[in-house]
C-alpha cells in the first residue's frame, strides 16, 4: 500500500538559496572593488613608466643635437621616441601636434620645446584628481628637471620639487580627467 501522506522533497529551500546569493553578492562587490584599485595602480605605474621612457628616448634621440627645437609629437613618432603603447593605432600611426599620442589614462600627451629650444617639455593631460596628485608628488629626480606645472597656473621650479602629497592634491582640483601636468627638462 502506498503512503499518500509522506511528502519527500529534494533540493534547497528558498532561504538557503537567498543566503547563497547574498554571499555571492558580497564576494562580487569585494572582487570588483579590489579589481578597480588594482587597475588604477597598474595605470599609474604604467604612466610613470611612459614618462620615464619618453625622457630616456628624447635624450637619446637628441644626444648629438645642440637643441630640442624640432621636438613635437609628429617628429617624436617618426623618430620612434614614443613607445608603441602610447599610440592608439600602434606604431606607424599618423600623428598631429594636437593629438594622437595618449597616456595610460587615454589623456593627450604633448611633447614640445621651450622658446629657445634648450629645454623640452612633456605634458600629460586627461588625469583624474588622484592620478594628478600622485604623479605631481612623485620624485622625478633632479637630473635635468627644470620645472613642473600643474594645470598651467601652478609652476614649481627645481628647488621646490618634489612637492608633498597635500600640496599636489590641493592643486589637482579640477574635475576628473581634466588635470594636466607639464614637466620641463634640459
Protein backbone atom coordinates (compact mmCIF):
# COMPACT_ATOMS: atom_id res chain seq x y z
CA UNK A 1 0.00 0.00 0.00
CA UNK A 2 1.23 3.44 -0.88
CA UNK A 3 1.67 6.09 1.74
CA UNK A 4 -0.01 9.23 0.42
CA UNK A 5 0.85 11.27 3.48
CA UNK A 6 4.56 11.03 3.02
CA UNK A 7 5.95 14.12 1.26
CA UNK A 8 9.59 13.86 0.29
CA UNK A 9 11.29 16.85 -1.25
CA UNK A 10 14.79 17.13 -2.53
CA UNK A 11 16.65 20.35 -3.27
CA UNK A 12 17.24 23.57 -1.40
CA UNK A 13 14.86 25.86 0.36
CA UNK A 14 14.30 29.45 -0.70
CA UNK A 15 16.10 30.72 2.42
CA UNK A 16 19.18 28.68 1.61
CA UNK A 17 19.22 30.00 -1.96
CA UNK A 18 18.88 33.60 -0.78
CA UNK A 19 21.77 33.06 1.62
CA UNK A 20 23.96 31.75 -1.18
CA UNK A 21 23.02 34.70 -3.40
CA UNK A 22 23.84 37.15 -0.61
CA UNK A 23 27.27 35.58 -0.12
CA UNK A 24 27.94 35.70 -3.87
CA UNK A 25 26.88 39.37 -3.94
CA UNK A 26 29.22 40.33 -1.10
CA UNK A 27 32.14 38.48 -2.69
CA UNK A 28 31.43 40.11 -6.08
CA UNK A 29 31.40 43.62 -4.63
CA UNK A 30 34.70 42.95 -2.86
CA UNK A 31 36.20 41.49 -6.02
CA UNK A 32 35.12 44.42 -8.18
CA UNK A 33 36.46 46.90 -5.65
CA UNK A 34 39.79 45.11 -5.47
CA UNK A 35 39.98 44.89 -9.26
CA UNK A 36 39.28 48.62 -9.62
CA UNK A 37 42.03 49.51 -7.17
CA UNK A 38 44.47 47.16 -8.88
CA UNK A 39 43.69 48.65 -12.31
CA UNK A 40 44.15 52.21 -11.02
CA UNK A 41 47.54 51.28 -9.54
CA UNK A 42 48.53 49.50 -12.76
CA UNK A 43 47.64 52.55 -14.88
CA UNK A 44 49.53 54.89 -12.53
CA UNK A 45 52.63 52.69 -12.72
CA UNK A 46 52.26 52.49 -16.49
CA UNK A 47 52.02 56.31 -16.75
CA UNK A 48 55.18 56.67 -14.64
CA UNK A 49 56.93 54.18 -16.93
CA UNK A 50 55.74 56.08 -20.00
CA UNK A 51 57.20 59.34 -18.67
CA UNK A 52 60.50 57.62 -17.89
CA UNK A 53 60.64 56.02 -21.35
CA UNK A 54 59.91 59.35 -23.04
CA UNK A 55 62.72 61.00 -21.05
CA UNK A 56 65.23 58.33 -22.00
CA UNK A 57 64.16 58.21 -25.65
CA UNK A 58 64.17 62.02 -26.09
CA UNK A 59 67.61 62.37 -24.53
CA UNK A 60 68.97 59.53 -26.65
CA UNK A 61 67.48 60.85 -29.90
CA UNK A 62 68.74 64.40 -29.31
CA UNK A 63 72.08 63.50 -27.70
CA UNK A 64 74.12 64.85 -30.60
CA UNK A 65 71.82 67.79 -31.34
CA UNK A 66 72.55 71.27 -29.95
CA UNK A 67 68.85 71.84 -29.14
CA UNK A 68 65.44 70.20 -28.95
CA UNK A 69 63.95 72.69 -31.45
CA UNK A 70 62.36 70.06 -33.70
CA UNK A 71 60.70 68.06 -30.94
CA UNK A 72 56.96 67.68 -31.36
CA UNK A 73 54.53 64.75 -31.39
CA UNK A 74 54.87 64.09 -35.14
CA UNK A 75 58.67 64.07 -35.13
CA UNK A 76 58.76 62.02 -31.94
CA UNK A 77 56.69 59.32 -33.63
CA UNK A 78 58.87 59.44 -36.76
CA UNK A 79 62.00 59.03 -34.63
CA UNK A 80 60.42 56.17 -32.61
CA UNK A 81 60.70 58.19 -29.41
CA UNK A 82 57.10 57.46 -28.45
CA UNK A 83 56.53 53.92 -27.10
CA UNK A 84 54.02 51.91 -29.15
CA UNK A 85 51.56 51.61 -26.27
CA UNK A 86 51.12 55.41 -26.35
CA UNK A 87 49.82 55.30 -29.94
CA UNK A 88 46.21 54.09 -30.08
CA UNK A 89 46.70 52.72 -33.60
CA UNK A 90 50.12 51.26 -32.84
CA UNK A 91 53.46 52.17 -34.37
CA UNK A 92 53.26 53.83 -37.76
CA UNK A 93 50.15 55.81 -36.84
CA UNK A 94 49.90 59.30 -38.29
CA UNK A 95 50.02 61.89 -35.52
CA UNK A 96 49.14 65.56 -35.41
CA UNK A 97 50.65 68.05 -32.97
CA UNK A 98 47.39 68.28 -31.02
CA UNK A 99 46.65 64.61 -30.62
CA UNK A 100 47.40 61.02 -31.41
CA UNK A 101 49.75 60.32 -28.50
CA UNK A 102 47.99 59.20 -25.33
CA UNK A 103 48.98 58.27 -21.80
CA UNK A 104 47.82 55.25 -19.79
CA UNK A 105 44.64 57.14 -18.84
CA UNK A 106 43.81 57.90 -22.51
CA UNK A 107 44.65 61.57 -21.99
CA UNK A 108 46.58 63.63 -24.50
CA UNK A 109 50.37 63.75 -24.38
CA UNK A 110 52.08 66.78 -25.92
CA UNK A 111 55.83 66.88 -26.49
CA UNK A 112 57.50 70.19 -27.24
CA UNK A 113 60.31 72.62 -26.57
CA UNK A 114 60.75 75.93 -24.84
CA UNK A 115 61.10 79.09 -26.91
CA UNK A 116 64.91 78.91 -27.07
CA UNK A 117 64.91 75.17 -27.85
CA UNK A 118 67.30 74.38 -24.99
CA UNK A 119 64.66 72.58 -22.90
CA UNK A 120 61.98 70.06 -23.80
CA UNK A 121 58.55 69.56 -22.26
CA UNK A 122 56.31 66.57 -21.66
CA UNK A 123 52.67 67.30 -20.86
CA UNK A 124 50.25 64.65 -19.65
CA UNK A 125 46.56 65.57 -19.78
CA UNK A 126 43.30 63.82 -19.01
CA UNK A 127 44.32 62.99 -15.45
CA UNK A 128 41.89 62.42 -12.62
CA UNK A 129 42.49 64.17 -9.30
CA UNK A 130 44.13 61.20 -7.55
CA UNK A 131 46.33 60.37 -10.53
CA UNK A 132 47.35 64.01 -10.93
CA UNK A 133 48.28 64.27 -7.26
CA UNK A 134 50.28 61.02 -7.35
CA UNK A 135 52.24 61.98 -10.46
CA UNK A 136 52.84 65.52 -9.20
CA UNK A 137 54.12 64.31 -5.83
CA UNK A 138 56.42 61.69 -7.40
CA UNK A 139 60.12 62.31 -7.08
CA UNK A 140 61.32 62.70 -10.67
CA UNK A 141 64.88 63.33 -9.55
CA UNK A 142 66.97 66.39 -10.11
CA UNK A 143 68.76 65.14 -13.23
CA UNK A 144 67.71 67.69 -15.81
CA UNK A 145 64.35 68.61 -14.29
CA UNK A 146 63.84 72.38 -14.59
CA UNK A 147 60.22 72.81 -13.52
CA UNK A 148 56.79 71.22 -13.26
CA UNK A 149 53.42 72.86 -13.83
CA UNK A 150 50.07 71.61 -12.60
CA UNK A 151 47.09 72.87 -14.61
CA UNK A 152 49.33 75.52 -16.23
CA UNK A 153 48.91 78.06 -13.39
CA UNK A 154 50.84 76.28 -10.64
CA UNK A 155 54.53 76.23 -11.61
CA UNK A 156 57.21 74.74 -9.37
CA UNK A 157 60.91 75.28 -10.04
CA UNK A 158 63.52 72.62 -9.40
CA UNK A 159 64.24 73.94 -5.90
CA UNK A 160 60.55 73.40 -4.97
CA UNK A 161 60.44 69.80 -6.16
CA UNK A 162 59.30 67.26 -5.25
CA UNK A 163 56.15 68.76 -3.79
CA UNK A 164 54.35 66.99 -0.99
CA UNK A 165 51.18 64.98 -1.49
CA UNK A 166 48.93 67.52 0.26
CA UNK A 167 50.08 70.39 -1.96
CA UNK A 168 49.68 68.19 -5.04
CA UNK A 169 46.15 67.21 -4.03
CA UNK A 170 45.21 70.86 -3.49
CA UNK A 171 46.50 71.89 -6.93
CA UNK A 172 44.83 68.98 -8.74
CA UNK A 173 41.31 70.15 -8.00
CA UNK A 174 39.71 70.26 -11.40
CA UNK A 175 37.01 67.85 -12.46
CA UNK A 176 38.08 64.27 -13.07
CA UNK A 177 40.08 63.74 -16.24
CA UNK A 178 40.72 67.47 -16.71
CA UNK A 179 44.04 67.88 -14.90
CA UNK A 180 47.34 68.45 -16.73
CA UNK A 181 50.93 68.17 -15.61
CA UNK A 182 53.82 69.57 -17.63
CA UNK A 183 57.46 68.72 -16.92
CA UNK A 184 60.31 70.79 -18.34
CA UNK A 185 63.76 69.19 -18.72
CA UNK A 186 67.13 70.26 -20.12
